Amino acid sequence: SAVRVAKTLLPVIAAGWNVACAQDA
């Protein structure tokens, strides 16, 4: 879970799908 949260697939899964921290444009 220390990998970049929600940046690539592995951290998204490991972090419990916490995608709210990423802002896309």
PDBML (XML) file of the C-alpha atoms, coordinates in Angstrom:
<?xml version="1.0" encoding="UTF-8" ?>
<PDBx:datablock datablockName="MODEL"
   xmlns:PDBx="http://pdbml.pdb.org/schema/pdbx-v50.xsd"
   xmlns:xsi="http://www.w3.org/2001/XMLSchema-instance"
   xsi:schemaLocation="http://pdbml.pdb.org/schema/pdbx-v50.xsd pdbx-v50.xsd">
   <PDBx:atom_siteCategory>
      <PDBx:atom_site id="1">
         <PDBx:B_iso_or_equiv>0.00</PDBx:B_iso_or_equiv>
         <PDBx:Cartn_x>0.000</PDBx:Cartn_x>
         <PDBx:Cartn_y>0.000</PDBx:Cartn_y>
         <PDBx:Cartn_z>0.000</PDBx:Cartn_z>
         <PDBx:auth_asym_id>A</PDBx:auth_asym_id>
         <PDBx:auth_atom_id>CA</PDBx:auth_atom_id>
         <PDBx:auth_comp_id>SER</PDBx:auth_comp_id>
         <PDBx:auth_seq_id>1</PDBx:auth_seq_id>
         <PDBx:group_PDB>ATOM</PDBx:group_PDB>
         <PDBx:label_alt_id xsi:nil="true" />
         <PDBx:label_asym_id>A</PDBx:label_asym_id>
         <PDBx:label_atom_id>CA</PDBx:label_atom_id>
         <PDBx:label_comp_id>SER</PDBx:label_comp_id>
         <PDBx:label_entity_id>1</PDBx:label_entity_id>
         <PDBx:label_seq_id>1</PDBx:label_seq_id>
         <PDBx:occupancy>1.00</PDBx:occupancy>
         <PDBx:pdbx_PDB_model_num>1</PDBx:pdbx_PDB_model_num>
         <PDBx:type_symbol>C</PDBx:type_symbol>
      </PDBx:atom_site>
      <PDBx:atom_site id="2">
         <PDBx:B_iso_or_equiv>0.00</PDBx:B_iso_or_equiv>
         <PDBx:Cartn_x>3.045</PDBx:Cartn_x>
         <PDBx:Cartn_y>2.285</PDBx:Cartn_y>
         <PDBx:Cartn_z>0.157</PDBx:Cartn_z>
         <PDBx:auth_asym_id>A</PDBx:auth_asym_id>
         <PDBx:auth_atom_id>CA</PDBx:auth_atom_id>
         <PDBx:auth_comp_id>ALA</PDBx:auth_comp_id>
         <PDBx:auth_seq_id>2</PDBx:auth_seq_id>
         <PDBx:group_PDB>ATOM</PDBx:group_PDB>
         <PDBx:label_alt_id xsi:nil="true" />
         <PDBx:label_asym_id>A</PDBx:label_asym_id>
         <PDBx:label_atom_id>CA</PDBx:label_atom_id>
         <PDBx:label_comp_id>ALA</PDBx:label_comp_id>
         <PDBx:label_entity_id>1</PDBx:label_entity_id>
         <PDBx:label_seq_id>2</PDBx:label_seq_id>
         <PDBx:occupancy>1.00</PDBx:occupancy>
         <PDBx:pdbx_PDB_model_num>1</PDBx:pdbx_PDB_model_num>
         <PDBx:type_symbol>C</PDBx:type_symbol>
      </PDBx:atom_site>
      <PDBx:atom_site id="3">
         <PDBx:B_iso_or_equiv>0.00</PDBx:B_iso_or_equiv>
         <PDBx:Cartn_x>3.085</PDBx:Cartn_x>
         <PDBx:Cartn_y>2.406</PDBx:Cartn_y>
         <PDBx:Cartn_z>-3.641</PDBx:Cartn_z>
         <PDBx:auth_asym_id>A</PDBx:auth_asym_id>
         <PDBx:auth_atom_id>CA</PDBx:auth_atom_id>
         <PDBx:auth_comp_id>VAL</PDBx:auth_comp_id>
         <PDBx:auth_seq_id>3</PDBx:auth_seq_id>
         <PDBx:group_PDB>ATOM</PDBx:group_PDB>
         <PDBx:label_alt_id xsi:nil="true" />
         <PDBx:label_asym_id>A</PDBx:label_asym_id>
         <PDBx:label_atom_id>CA</PDBx:label_atom_id>
         <PDBx:label_comp_id>VAL</PDBx:label_comp_id>
         <PDBx:label_entity_id>1</PDBx:label_entity_id>
         <PDBx:label_seq_id>3</PDBx:label_seq_id>
         <PDBx:occupancy>1.00</PDBx:occupancy>
         <PDBx:pdbx_PDB_model_num>1</PDBx:pdbx_PDB_model_num>
         <PDBx:type_symbol>C</PDBx:type_symbol>
      </PDBx:atom_site>
      <PDBx:atom_site id="4">
         <PDBx:B_iso_or_equiv>0.00</PDBx:B_iso_or_equiv>
         <PDBx:Cartn_x>1.530</PDBx:Cartn_x>
         <PDBx:Cartn_y>5.522</PDBx:Cartn_y>
         <PDBx:Cartn_z>-5.174</PDBx:Cartn_z>
         <PDBx:auth_asym_id>A</PDBx:auth_asym_id>
         <PDBx:auth_atom_id>CA</PDBx:auth_atom_id>
         <PDBx:auth_comp_id>ARG</PDBx:auth_comp_id>
         <PDBx:auth_seq_id>4</PDBx:auth_seq_id>
         <PDBx:group_PDB>ATOM</PDBx:group_PDB>
         <PDBx:label_alt_id xsi:nil="true" />
         <PDBx:label_asym_id>A</PDBx:label_asym_id>
         <PDBx:label_atom_id>CA</PDBx:label_atom_id>
         <PDBx:label_comp_id>ARG</PDBx:label_comp_id>
         <PDBx:label_entity_id>1</PDBx:label_entity_id>
         <PDBx:label_seq_id>4</PDBx:label_seq_id>
         <PDBx:occupancy>1.00</PDBx:occupancy>
         <PDBx:pdbx_PDB_model_num>1</PDBx:pdbx_PDB_model_num>
         <PDBx:type_symbol>C</PDBx:type_symbol>
      </PDBx:atom_site>
      <PDBx:atom_site id="5">
         <PDBx:B_iso_or_equiv>0.00</PDBx:B_iso_or_equiv>
         <PDBx:Cartn_x>-2.106</PDBx:Cartn_x>
         <PDBx:Cartn_y>5.389</PDBx:Cartn_y>
         <PDBx:Cartn_z>-4.146</PDBx:Cartn_z>
         <PDBx:auth_asym_id>A</PDBx:auth_asym_id>
         <PDBx:auth_atom_id>CA</PDBx:auth_atom_id>
         <PDBx:auth_comp_id>VAL</PDBx:auth_comp_id>
         <PDBx:auth_seq_id>5</PDBx:auth_seq_id>
         <PDBx:group_PDB>ATOM</PDBx:group_PDB>
         <PDBx:label_alt_id xsi:nil="true" />
         <PDBx:label_asym_id>A</PDBx:label_asym_id>
         <PDBx:label_atom_id>CA</PDBx:label_atom_id>
         <PDBx:label_comp_id>VAL</PDBx:label_comp_id>
         <PDBx:label_entity_id>1</PDBx:label_entity_id>
         <PDBx:label_seq_id>5</PDBx:label_seq_id>
         <PDBx:occupancy>1.00</PDBx:occupancy>
         <PDBx:pdbx_PDB_model_num>1</PDBx:pdbx_PDB_model_num>
         <PDBx:type_symbol>C</PDBx:type_symbol>
      </PDBx:atom_site>
      <PDBx:atom_site id="6">
         <PDBx:B_iso_or_equiv>0.00</PDBx:B_iso_or_equiv>
         <PDBx:Cartn_x>-4.428</PDBx:Cartn_x>
         <PDBx:Cartn_y>5.149</PDBx:Cartn_y>
         <PDBx:Cartn_z>-7.169</PDBx:Cartn_z>
         <PDBx:auth_asym_id>A</PDBx:auth_asym_id>
         <PDBx:auth_atom_id>CA</PDBx:auth_atom_id>
         <PDBx:auth_comp_id>ALA</PDBx:auth_comp_id>
         <PDBx:auth_seq_id>6</PDBx:auth_seq_id>
         <PDBx:group_PDB>ATOM</PDBx:group_PDB>
         <PDBx:label_alt_id xsi:nil="true" />
         <PDBx:label_asym_id>A</PDBx:label_asym_id>
         <PDBx:label_atom_id>CA</PDBx:label_atom_id>
         <PDBx:label_comp_id>ALA</PDBx:label_comp_id>
         <PDBx:label_entity_id>1</PDBx:label_entity_id>
         <PDBx:label_seq_id>6</PDBx:label_seq_id>
         <PDBx:occupancy>1.00</PDBx:occupancy>
         <PDBx:pdbx_PDB_model_num>1</PDBx:pdbx_PDB_model_num>
         <PDBx:type_symbol>C</PDBx:type_symbol>
      </PDBx:atom_site>
      <PDBx:atom_site id="7">
         <PDBx:B_iso_or_equiv>0.00</PDBx:B_iso_or_equiv>
         <PDBx:Cartn_x>-1.652</PDBx:Cartn_x>
         <PDBx:Cartn_y>5.900</PDBx:Cartn_y>
         <PDBx:Cartn_z>-9.649</PDBx:Cartn_z>
         <PDBx:auth_asym_id>A</PDBx:auth_asym_id>
         <PDBx:auth_atom_id>CA</PDBx:auth_atom_id>
         <PDBx:auth_comp_id>LYS</PDBx:auth_comp_id>
         <PDBx:auth_seq_id>7</PDBx:auth_seq_id>
         <PDBx:group_PDB>ATOM</PDBx:group_PDB>
         <PDBx:label_alt_id xsi:nil="true" />
         <PDBx:label_asym_id>A</PDBx:label_asym_id>
         <PDBx:label_atom_id>CA</PDBx:label_atom_id>
         <PDBx:label_comp_id>LYS</PDBx:label_comp_id>
         <PDBx:label_entity_id>1</PDBx:label_entity_id>
         <PDBx:label_seq_id>7</PDBx:label_seq_id>
         <PDBx:occupancy>1.00</PDBx:occupancy>
         <PDBx:pdbx_PDB_model_num>1</PDBx:pdbx_PDB_model_num>
         <PDBx:type_symbol>C</PDBx:type_symbol>
      </PDBx:atom_site>
      <PDBx:atom_site id="8">
         <PDBx:B_iso_or_equiv>0.00</PDBx:B_iso_or_equiv>
         <PDBx:Cartn_x>-1.398</PDBx:Cartn_x>
         <PDBx:Cartn_y>2.489</PDBx:Cartn_y>
         <PDBx:Cartn_z>-11.243</PDBx:Cartn_z>
         <PDBx:auth_asym_id>A</PDBx:auth_asym_id>
         <PDBx:auth_atom_id>CA</PDBx:auth_atom_id>
         <PDBx:auth_comp_id>THR</PDBx:auth_comp_id>
         <PDBx:auth_seq_id>8</PDBx:auth_seq_id>
         <PDBx:group_PDB>ATOM</PDBx:group_PDB>
         <PDBx:label_alt_id xsi:nil="true" />
         <PDBx:label_asym_id>A</PDBx:label_asym_id>
         <PDBx:label_atom_id>CA</PDBx:label_atom_id>
         <PDBx:label_comp_id>THR</PDBx:label_comp_id>
         <PDBx:label_entity_id>1</PDBx:label_entity_id>
         <PDBx:label_seq_id>8</PDBx:label_seq_id>
         <PDBx:occupancy>1.00</PDBx:occupancy>
         <PDBx:pdbx_PDB_model_num>1</PDBx:pdbx_PDB_model_num>
         <PDBx:type_symbol>C</PDBx:type_symbol>
      </PDBx:atom_site>
      <PDBx:atom_site id="9">
         <PDBx:B_iso_or_equiv>0.00</PDBx:B_iso_or_equiv>
         <PDBx:Cartn_x>-3.434</PDBx:Cartn_x>
         <PDBx:Cartn_y>-0.663</PDBx:Cartn_y>
         <PDBx:Cartn_z>-10.863</PDBx:Cartn_z>
         <PDBx:auth_asym_id>A</PDBx:auth_asym_id>
         <PDBx:auth_atom_id>CA</PDBx:auth_atom_id>
         <PDBx:auth_comp_id>LEU</PDBx:auth_comp_id>
         <PDBx:auth_seq_id>9</PDBx:auth_seq_id>
         <PDBx:group_PDB>ATOM</PDBx:group_PDB>
         <PDBx:label_alt_id xsi:nil="true" />
         <PDBx:label_asym_id>A</PDBx:label_asym_id>
         <PDBx:label_atom_id>CA</PDBx:label_atom_id>
         <PDBx:label_comp_id>LEU</PDBx:label_comp_id>
         <PDBx:label_entity_id>1</PDBx:label_entity_id>
         <PDBx:label_seq_id>9</PDBx:label_seq_id>
         <PDBx:occupancy>1.00</PDBx:occupancy>
         <PDBx:pdbx_PDB_model_num>1</PDBx:pdbx_PDB_model_num>
         <PDBx:type_symbol>C</PDBx:type_symbol>
      </PDBx:atom_site>
      <PDBx:atom_site id="10">
         <PDBx:B_iso_or_equiv>0.00</PDBx:B_iso_or_equiv>
         <PDBx:Cartn_x>-1.453</PDBx:Cartn_x>
         <PDBx:Cartn_y>-2.347</PDBx:Cartn_y>
         <PDBx:Cartn_z>-8.097</PDBx:Cartn_z>
         <PDBx:auth_asym_id>A</PDBx:auth_asym_id>
         <PDBx:auth_atom_id>CA</PDBx:auth_atom_id>
         <PDBx:auth_comp_id>LEU</PDBx:auth_comp_id>
         <PDBx:auth_seq_id>10</PDBx:auth_seq_id>
         <PDBx:group_PDB>ATOM</PDBx:group_PDB>
         <PDBx:label_alt_id xsi:nil="true" />
         <PDBx:label_asym_id>A</PDBx:label_asym_id>
         <PDBx:label_atom_id>CA</PDBx:label_atom_id>
         <PDBx:label_comp_id>LEU</PDBx:label_comp_id>
         <PDBx:label_entity_id>1</PDBx:label_entity_id>
         <PDBx:label_seq_id>10</PDBx:label_seq_id>
         <PDBx:occupancy>1.00</PDBx:occupancy>
         <PDBx:pdbx_PDB_model_num>1</PDBx:pdbx_PDB_model_num>
         <PDBx:type_symbol>C</PDBx:type_symbol>
      </PDBx:atom_site>
      <PDBx:atom_site id="11">
         <PDBx:B_iso_or_equiv>0.00</PDBx:B_iso_or_equiv>
         <PDBx:Cartn_x>-1.632</PDBx:Cartn_x>
         <PDBx:Cartn_y>0.522</PDBx:Cartn_y>
         <PDBx:Cartn_z>-5.579</PDBx:Cartn_z>
         <PDBx:auth_asym_id>A</PDBx:auth_asym_id>
         <PDBx:auth_atom_id>CA</PDBx:auth_atom_id>
         <PDBx:auth_comp_id>PRO</PDBx:auth_comp_id>
         <PDBx:auth_seq_id>11</PDBx:auth_seq_id>
         <PDBx:group_PDB>ATOM</PDBx:group_PDB>
         <PDBx:label_alt_id xsi:nil="true" />
         <PDBx:label_asym_id>A</PDBx:label_asym_id>
         <PDBx:label_atom_id>CA</PDBx:label_atom_id>
         <PDBx:label_comp_id>PRO</PDBx:label_comp_id>
         <PDBx:label_entity_id>1</PDBx:label_entity_id>
         <PDBx:label_seq_id>11</PDBx:label_seq_id>
         <PDBx:occupancy>1.00</PDBx:occupancy>
         <PDBx:pdbx_PDB_model_num>1</PDBx:pdbx_PDB_model_num>
         <PDBx:type_symbol>C</PDBx:type_symbol>
      </PDBx:atom_site>
      <PDBx:atom_site id="12">
         <PDBx:B_iso_or_equiv>0.00</PDBx:B_iso_or_equiv>
         <PDBx:Cartn_x>-5.300</PDBx:Cartn_x>
         <PDBx:Cartn_y>1.067</PDBx:Cartn_y>
         <PDBx:Cartn_z>-6.298</PDBx:Cartn_z>
         <PDBx:auth_asym_id>A</PDBx:auth_asym_id>
         <PDBx:auth_atom_id>CA</PDBx:auth_atom_id>
         <PDBx:auth_comp_id>VAL</PDBx:auth_comp_id>
         <PDBx:auth_seq_id>12</PDBx:auth_seq_id>
         <PDBx:group_PDB>ATOM</PDBx:group_PDB>
         <PDBx:label_alt_id xsi:nil="true" />
         <PDBx:label_asym_id>A</PDBx:label_asym_id>
         <PDBx:label_atom_id>CA</PDBx:label_atom_id>
         <PDBx:label_comp_id>VAL</PDBx:label_comp_id>
         <PDBx:label_entity_id>1</PDBx:label_entity_id>
         <PDBx:label_seq_id>12</PDBx:label_seq_id>
         <PDBx:occupancy>1.00</PDBx:occupancy>
         <PDBx:pdbx_PDB_model_num>1</PDBx:pdbx_PDB_model_num>
         <PDBx:type_symbol>C</PDBx:type_symbol>
      </PDBx:atom_site>
      <PDBx:atom_site id="13">
         <PDBx:B_iso_or_equiv>0.00</PDBx:B_iso_or_equiv>
         <PDBx:Cartn_x>-6.077</PDBx:Cartn_x>
         <PDBx:Cartn_y>-2.517</PDBx:Cartn_y>
         <PDBx:Cartn_z>-5.413</PDBx:Cartn_z>
         <PDBx:auth_asym_id>A</PDBx:auth_asym_id>
         <PDBx:auth_atom_id>CA</PDBx:auth_atom_id>
         <PDBx:auth_comp_id>ILE</PDBx:auth_comp_id>
         <PDBx:auth_seq_id>13</PDBx:auth_seq_id>
         <PDBx:group_PDB>ATOM</PDBx:group_PDB>
         <PDBx:label_alt_id xsi:nil="true" />
         <PDBx:label_asym_id>A</PDBx:label_asym_id>
         <PDBx:label_atom_id>CA</PDBx:label_atom_id>
         <PDBx:label_comp_id>ILE</PDBx:label_comp_id>
         <PDBx:label_entity_id>1</PDBx:label_entity_id>
         <PDBx:label_seq_id>13</PDBx:label_seq_id>
         <PDBx:occupancy>1.00</PDBx:occupancy>
         <PDBx:pdbx_PDB_model_num>1</PDBx:pdbx_PDB_model_num>
         <PDBx:type_symbol>C</PDBx:type_symbol>
      </PDBx:atom_site>
      <PDBx:atom_site id="14">
         <PDBx:B_iso_or_equiv>0.00</PDBx:B_iso_or_equiv>
         <PDBx:Cartn_x>-3.753</PDBx:Cartn_x>
         <PDBx:Cartn_y>-2.642</PDBx:Cartn_y>
         <PDBx:Cartn_z>-2.440</PDBx:Cartn_z>
         <PDBx:auth_asym_id>A</PDBx:auth_asym_id>
         <PDBx:auth_atom_id>CA</PDBx:auth_atom_id>
         <PDBx:auth_comp_id>ALA</PDBx:auth_comp_id>
         <PDBx:auth_seq_id>14</PDBx:auth_seq_id>
         <PDBx:group_PDB>ATOM</PDBx:group_PDB>
         <PDBx:label_alt_id xsi:nil="true" />
         <PDBx:label_asym_id>A</PDBx:label_asym_id>
         <PDBx:label_atom_id>CA</PDBx:label_atom_id>
         <PDBx:label_comp_id>ALA</PDBx:label_comp_id>
         <PDBx:label_entity_id>1</PDBx:label_entity_id>
         <PDBx:label_seq_id>14</PDBx:label_seq_id>
         <PDBx:occupancy>1.00</PDBx:occupancy>
         <PDBx:pdbx_PDB_model_num>1</PDBx:pdbx_PDB_model_num>
         <PDBx:type_symbol>C</PDBx:type_symbol>
      </PDBx:atom_site>
      <PDBx:atom_site id="15">
         <PDBx:B_iso_or_equiv>0.00</PDBx:B_iso_or_equiv>
         <PDBx:Cartn_x>-5.167</PDBx:Cartn_x>
         <PDBx:Cartn_y>0.599</PDBx:Cartn_y>
         <PDBx:Cartn_z>-1.046</PDBx:Cartn_z>
         <PDBx:auth_asym_id>A</PDBx:auth_asym_id>
         <PDBx:auth_atom_id>CA</PDBx:auth_atom_id>
         <PDBx:auth_comp_id>ALA</PDBx:auth_comp_id>
         <PDBx:auth_seq_id>15</PDBx:auth_seq_id>
         <PDBx:group_PDB>ATOM</PDBx:group_PDB>
         <PDBx:label_alt_id xsi:nil="true" />
         <PDBx:label_asym_id>A</PDBx:label_asym_id>
         <PDBx:label_atom_id>CA</PDBx:label_atom_id>
         <PDBx:label_comp_id>ALA</PDBx:label_comp_id>
         <PDBx:label_entity_id>1</PDBx:label_entity_id>
         <PDBx:label_seq_id>15</PDBx:label_seq_id>
         <PDBx:occupancy>1.00</PDBx:occupancy>
         <PDBx:pdbx_PDB_model_num>1</PDBx:pdbx_PDB_model_num>
         <PDBx:type_symbol>C</PDBx:type_symbol>
      </PDBx:atom_site>
      <PDBx:atom_site id="16">
         <PDBx:B_iso_or_equiv>0.00</PDBx:B_iso_or_equiv>
         <PDBx:Cartn_x>-8.718</PDBx:Cartn_x>
         <PDBx:Cartn_y>-0.677</PDBx:Cartn_y>
         <PDBx:Cartn_z>-1.021</PDBx:Cartn_z>
         <PDBx:auth_asym_id>A</PDBx:auth_asym_id>
         <PDBx:auth_atom_id>CA</PDBx:auth_atom_id>
         <PDBx:auth_comp_id>GLY</PDBx:auth_comp_id>
         <PDBx:auth_seq_id>16</PDBx:auth_seq_id>
         <PDBx:group_PDB>ATOM</PDBx:group_PDB>
         <PDBx:label_alt_id xsi:nil="true" />
         <PDBx:label_asym_id>A</PDBx:label_asym_id>
         <PDBx:label_atom_id>CA</PDBx:label_atom_id>
         <PDBx:label_comp_id>GLY</PDBx:label_comp_id>
         <PDBx:label_entity_id>1</PDBx:label_entity_id>
         <PDBx:label_seq_id>16</PDBx:label_seq_id>
         <PDBx:occupancy>1.00</PDBx:occupancy>
         <PDBx:pdbx_PDB_model_num>1</PDBx:pdbx_PDB_model_num>
         <PDBx:type_symbol>C</PDBx:type_symbol>
      </PDBx:atom_site>
      <PDBx:atom_site id="17">
         <PDBx:B_iso_or_equiv>0.00</PDBx:B_iso_or_equiv>
         <PDBx:Cartn_x>-9.750</PDBx:Cartn_x>
         <PDBx:Cartn_y>1.165</PDBx:Cartn_y>
         <PDBx:Cartn_z>-4.182</PDBx:Cartn_z>
         <PDBx:auth_asym_id>A</PDBx:auth_asym_id>
         <PDBx:auth_atom_id>CA</PDBx:auth_atom_id>
         <PDBx:auth_comp_id>TRP</PDBx:auth_comp_id>
         <PDBx:auth_seq_id>17</PDBx:auth_seq_id>
         <PDBx:group_PDB>ATOM</PDBx:group_PDB>
         <PDBx:label_alt_id xsi:nil="true" />
         <PDBx:label_asym_id>A</PDBx:label_asym_id>
         <PDBx:label_atom_id>CA</PDBx:label_atom_id>
         <PDBx:label_comp_id>TRP</PDBx:label_comp_id>
         <PDBx:label_entity_id>1</PDBx:label_entity_id>
         <PDBx:label_seq_id>17</PDBx:label_seq_id>
         <PDBx:occupancy>1.00</PDBx:occupancy>
         <PDBx:pdbx_PDB_model_num>1</PDBx:pdbx_PDB_model_num>
         <PDBx:type_symbol>C</PDBx:type_symbol>
      </PDBx:atom_site>
      <PDBx:atom_site id="18">
         <PDBx:B_iso_or_equiv>0.00</PDBx:B_iso_or_equiv>
         <PDBx:Cartn_x>-9.253</PDBx:Cartn_x>
         <PDBx:Cartn_y>4.619</PDBx:Cartn_y>
         <PDBx:Cartn_z>-2.716</PDBx:Cartn_z>
         <PDBx:auth_asym_id>A</PDBx:auth_asym_id>
         <PDBx:auth_atom_id>CA</PDBx:auth_atom_id>
         <PDBx:auth_comp_id>ASN</PDBx:auth_comp_id>
         <PDBx:auth_seq_id>18</PDBx:auth_seq_id>
         <PDBx:group_PDB>ATOM</PDBx:group_PDB>
         <PDBx:label_alt_id xsi:nil="true" />
         <PDBx:label_asym_id>A</PDBx:label_asym_id>
         <PDBx:label_atom_id>CA</PDBx:label_atom_id>
         <PDBx:label_comp_id>ASN</PDBx:label_comp_id>
         <PDBx:label_entity_id>1</PDBx:label_entity_id>
         <PDBx:label_seq_id>18</PDBx:label_seq_id>
         <PDBx:occupancy>1.00</PDBx:occupancy>
         <PDBx:pdbx_PDB_model_num>1</PDBx:pdbx_PDB_model_num>
         <PDBx:type_symbol>C</PDBx:type_symbol>
      </PDBx:atom_site>
      <PDBx:atom_site id="19">
         <PDBx:B_iso_or_equiv>0.00</PDBx:B_iso_or_equiv>
         <PDBx:Cartn_x>-9.454</PDBx:Cartn_x>
         <PDBx:Cartn_y>6.494</PDBx:Cartn_y>
         <PDBx:Cartn_z>-5.993</PDBx:Cartn_z>
         <PDBx:auth_asym_id>A</PDBx:auth_asym_id>
         <PDBx:auth_atom_id>CA</PDBx:auth_atom_id>
         <PDBx:auth_comp_id>VAL</PDBx:auth_comp_id>
         <PDBx:auth_seq_id>19</PDBx:auth_seq_id>
         <PDBx:group_PDB>ATOM</PDBx:group_PDB>
         <PDBx:label_alt_id xsi:nil="true" />
         <PDBx:label_asym_id>A</PDBx:label_asym_id>
         <PDBx:label_atom_id>CA</PDBx:label_atom_id>
         <PDBx:label_comp_id>VAL</PDBx:label_comp_id>
         <PDBx:label_entity_id>1</PDBx:label_entity_id>
         <PDBx:label_seq_id>19</PDBx:label_seq_id>
         <PDBx:occupancy>1.00</PDBx:occupancy>
         <PDBx:pdbx_PDB_model_num>1</PDBx:pdbx_PDB_model_num>
         <PDBx:type_symbol>C</PDBx:type_symbol>
      </PDBx:atom_site>
      <PDBx:atom_site id="20">
         <PDBx:B_iso_or_equiv>0.00</PDBx:B_iso_or_equiv>
         <PDBx:Cartn_x>-10.693</PDBx:Cartn_x>
         <PDBx:Cartn_y>9.792</PDBx:Cartn_y>
         <PDBx:Cartn_z>-4.616</PDBx:Cartn_z>
         <PDBx:auth_asym_id>A</PDBx:auth_asym_id>
         <PDBx:auth_atom_id>CA</PDBx:auth_atom_id>
         <PDBx:auth_comp_id>ALA</PDBx:auth_comp_id>
         <PDBx:auth_seq_id>20</PDBx:auth_seq_id>
         <PDBx:group_PDB>ATOM</PDBx:group_PDB>
         <PDBx:label_alt_id xsi:nil="true" />
         <PDBx:label_asym_id>A</PDBx:label_asym_id>
         <PDBx:label_atom_id>CA</PDBx:label_atom_id>
         <PDBx:label_comp_id>ALA</PDBx:label_comp_id>
         <PDBx:label_entity_id>1</PDBx:label_entity_id>
         <PDBx:label_seq_id>20</PDBx:label_seq_id>
         <PDBx:occupancy>1.00</PDBx:occupancy>
         <PDBx:pdbx_PDB_model_num>1</PDBx:pdbx_PDB_model_num>
         <PDBx:type_symbol>C</PDBx:type_symbol>
      </PDBx:atom_site>
      <PDBx:atom_site id="21">
         <PDBx:B_iso_or_equiv>0.00</PDBx:B_iso_or_equiv>
         <PDBx:Cartn_x>-7.186</PDBx:Cartn_x>
         <PDBx:Cartn_y>11.143</PDBx:Cartn_y>
         <PDBx:Cartn_z>-4.013</PDBx:Cartn_z>
         <PDBx:auth_asym_id>A</PDBx:auth_asym_id>
         <PDBx:auth_atom_id>CA</PDBx:auth_atom_id>
         <PDBx:auth_comp_id>CYS</PDBx:auth_comp_id>
         <PDBx:auth_seq_id>21</PDBx:auth_seq_id>
         <PDBx:group_PDB>ATOM</PDBx:group_PDB>
         <PDBx:label_alt_id xsi:nil="true" />
         <PDBx:label_asym_id>A</PDBx:label_asym_id>
         <PDBx:label_atom_id>CA</PDBx:label_atom_id>
         <PDBx:label_comp_id>CYS</PDBx:label_comp_id>
         <PDBx:label_entity_id>1</PDBx:label_entity_id>
         <PDBx:label_seq_id>21</PDBx:label_seq_id>
         <PDBx:occupancy>1.00</PDBx:occupancy>
         <PDBx:pdbx_PDB_model_num>1</PDBx:pdbx_PDB_model_num>
         <PDBx:type_symbol>C</PDBx:type_symbol>
      </PDBx:atom_site>
      <PDBx:atom_site id="22">
         <PDBx:B_iso_or_equiv>0.00</PDBx:B_iso_or_equiv>
         <PDBx:Cartn_x>-6.421</PDBx:Cartn_x>
         <PDBx:Cartn_y>11.392</PDBx:Cartn_y>
         <PDBx:Cartn_z>-7.733</PDBx:Cartn_z>
         <PDBx:auth_asym_id>A</PDBx:auth_asym_id>
         <PDBx:auth_atom_id>CA</PDBx:auth_atom_id>
         <PDBx:auth_comp_id>ALA</PDBx:auth_comp_id>
         <PDBx:auth_seq_id>22</PDBx:auth_seq_id>
         <PDBx:group_PDB>ATOM</PDBx:group_PDB>
         <PDBx:label_alt_id xsi:nil="true" />
         <PDBx:label_asym_id>A</PDBx:label_asym_id>
         <PDBx:label_atom_id>CA</PDBx:label_atom_id>
         <PDBx:label_comp_id>ALA</PDBx:label_comp_id>
         <PDBx:label_entity_id>1</PDBx:label_entity_id>
         <PDBx:label_seq_id>22</PDBx:label_seq_id>
         <PDBx:occupancy>1.00</PDBx:occupancy>
         <PDBx:pdbx_PDB_model_num>1</PDBx:pdbx_PDB_model_num>
         <PDBx:type_symbol>C</PDBx:type_symbol>
      </PDBx:atom_site>
      <PDBx:atom_site id="23">
         <PDBx:B_iso_or_equiv>0.00</PDBx:B_iso_or_equiv>
         <PDBx:Cartn_x>-7.528</PDBx:Cartn_x>
         <PDBx:Cartn_y>14.369</PDBx:Cartn_y>
         <PDBx:Cartn_z>-9.753</PDBx:Cartn_z>
         <PDBx:auth_asym_id>A</PDBx:auth_asym_id>
         <PDBx:auth_atom_id>CA</PDBx:auth_atom_id>
         <PDBx:auth_comp_id>GLN</PDBx:auth_comp_id>
         <PDBx:auth_seq_id>23</PDBx:auth_seq_id>
         <PDBx:group_PDB>ATOM</PDBx:group_PDB>
         <PDBx:label_alt_id xsi:nil="true" />
         <PDBx:label_asym_id>A</PDBx:label_asym_id>
         <PDBx:label_atom_id>CA</PDBx:label_atom_id>
         <PDBx:label_comp_id>GLN</PDBx:label_comp_id>
         <PDBx:label_entity_id>1</PDBx:label_entity_id>
         <PDBx:label_seq_id>23</PDBx:label_seq_id>
         <PDBx:occupancy>1.00</PDBx:occupancy>
         <PDBx:pdbx_PDB_model_num>1</PDBx:pdbx_PDB_model_num>
         <PDBx:type_symbol>C</PDBx:type_symbol>
      </PDBx:atom_site>
      <PDBx:atom_site id="24">
         <PDBx:B_iso_or_equiv>0.00</PDBx:B_iso_or_equiv>
         <PDBx:Cartn_x>-7.544</PDBx:Cartn_x>
         <PDBx:Cartn_y>13.787</PDBx:Cartn_y>
         <PDBx:Cartn_z>-13.520</PDBx:Cartn_z>
         <PDBx:auth_asym_id>A</PDBx:auth_asym_id>
         <PDBx:auth_atom_id>CA</PDBx:auth_atom_id>
         <PDBx:auth_comp_id>ASP</PDBx:auth_comp_id>
         <PDBx:auth_seq_id>24</PDBx:auth_seq_id>
         <PDBx:group_PDB>ATOM</PDBx:group_PDB>
         <PDBx:label_alt_id xsi:nil="true" />
         <PDBx:label_asym_id>A</PDBx:label_asym_id>
         <PDBx:label_atom_id>CA</PDBx:label_atom_id>
         <PDBx:label_comp_id>ASP</PDBx:label_comp_id>
         <PDBx:label_entity_id>1</PDBx:label_entity_id>
         <PDBx:label_seq_id>24</PDBx:label_seq_id>
         <PDBx:occupancy>1.00</PDBx:occupancy>
         <PDBx:pdbx_PDB_model_num>1</PDBx:pdbx_PDB_model_num>
         <PDBx:type_symbol>C</PDBx:type_symbol>
      </PDBx:atom_site>
      <PDBx:atom_site id="25">
         <PDBx:B_iso_or_equiv>0.00</PDBx:B_iso_or_equiv>
         <PDBx:Cartn_x>-7.693</PDBx:Cartn_x>
         <PDBx:Cartn_y>16.166</PDBx:Cartn_y>
         <PDBx:Cartn_z>-16.434</PDBx:Cartn_z>
         <PDBx:auth_asym_id>A</PDBx:auth_asym_id>
         <PDBx:auth_atom_id>CA</PDBx:auth_atom_id>
         <PDBx:auth_comp_id>ALA</PDBx:auth_comp_id>
         <PDBx:auth_seq_id>25</PDBx:auth_seq_id>
         <PDBx:group_PDB>ATOM</PDBx:group_PDB>
         <PDBx:label_alt_id xsi:nil="true" />
         <PDBx:label_asym_id>A</PDBx:label_asym_id>
         <PDBx:label_atom_id>CA</PDBx:label_atom_id>
         <PDBx:label_comp_id>ALA</PDBx:label_comp_id>
         <PDBx:label_entity_id>1</PDBx:label_entity_id>
         <PDBx:label_seq_id>25</PDBx:label_seq_id>
         <PDBx:occupancy>1.00</PDBx:occupancy>
         <PDBx:pdbx_PDB_model_num>1</PDBx:pdbx_PDB_model_num>
         <PDBx:type_symbol>C</PDBx:type_symbol>
      </PDBx:atom_site>
   </PDBx:atom_siteCategory>
</PDBx:datablock>
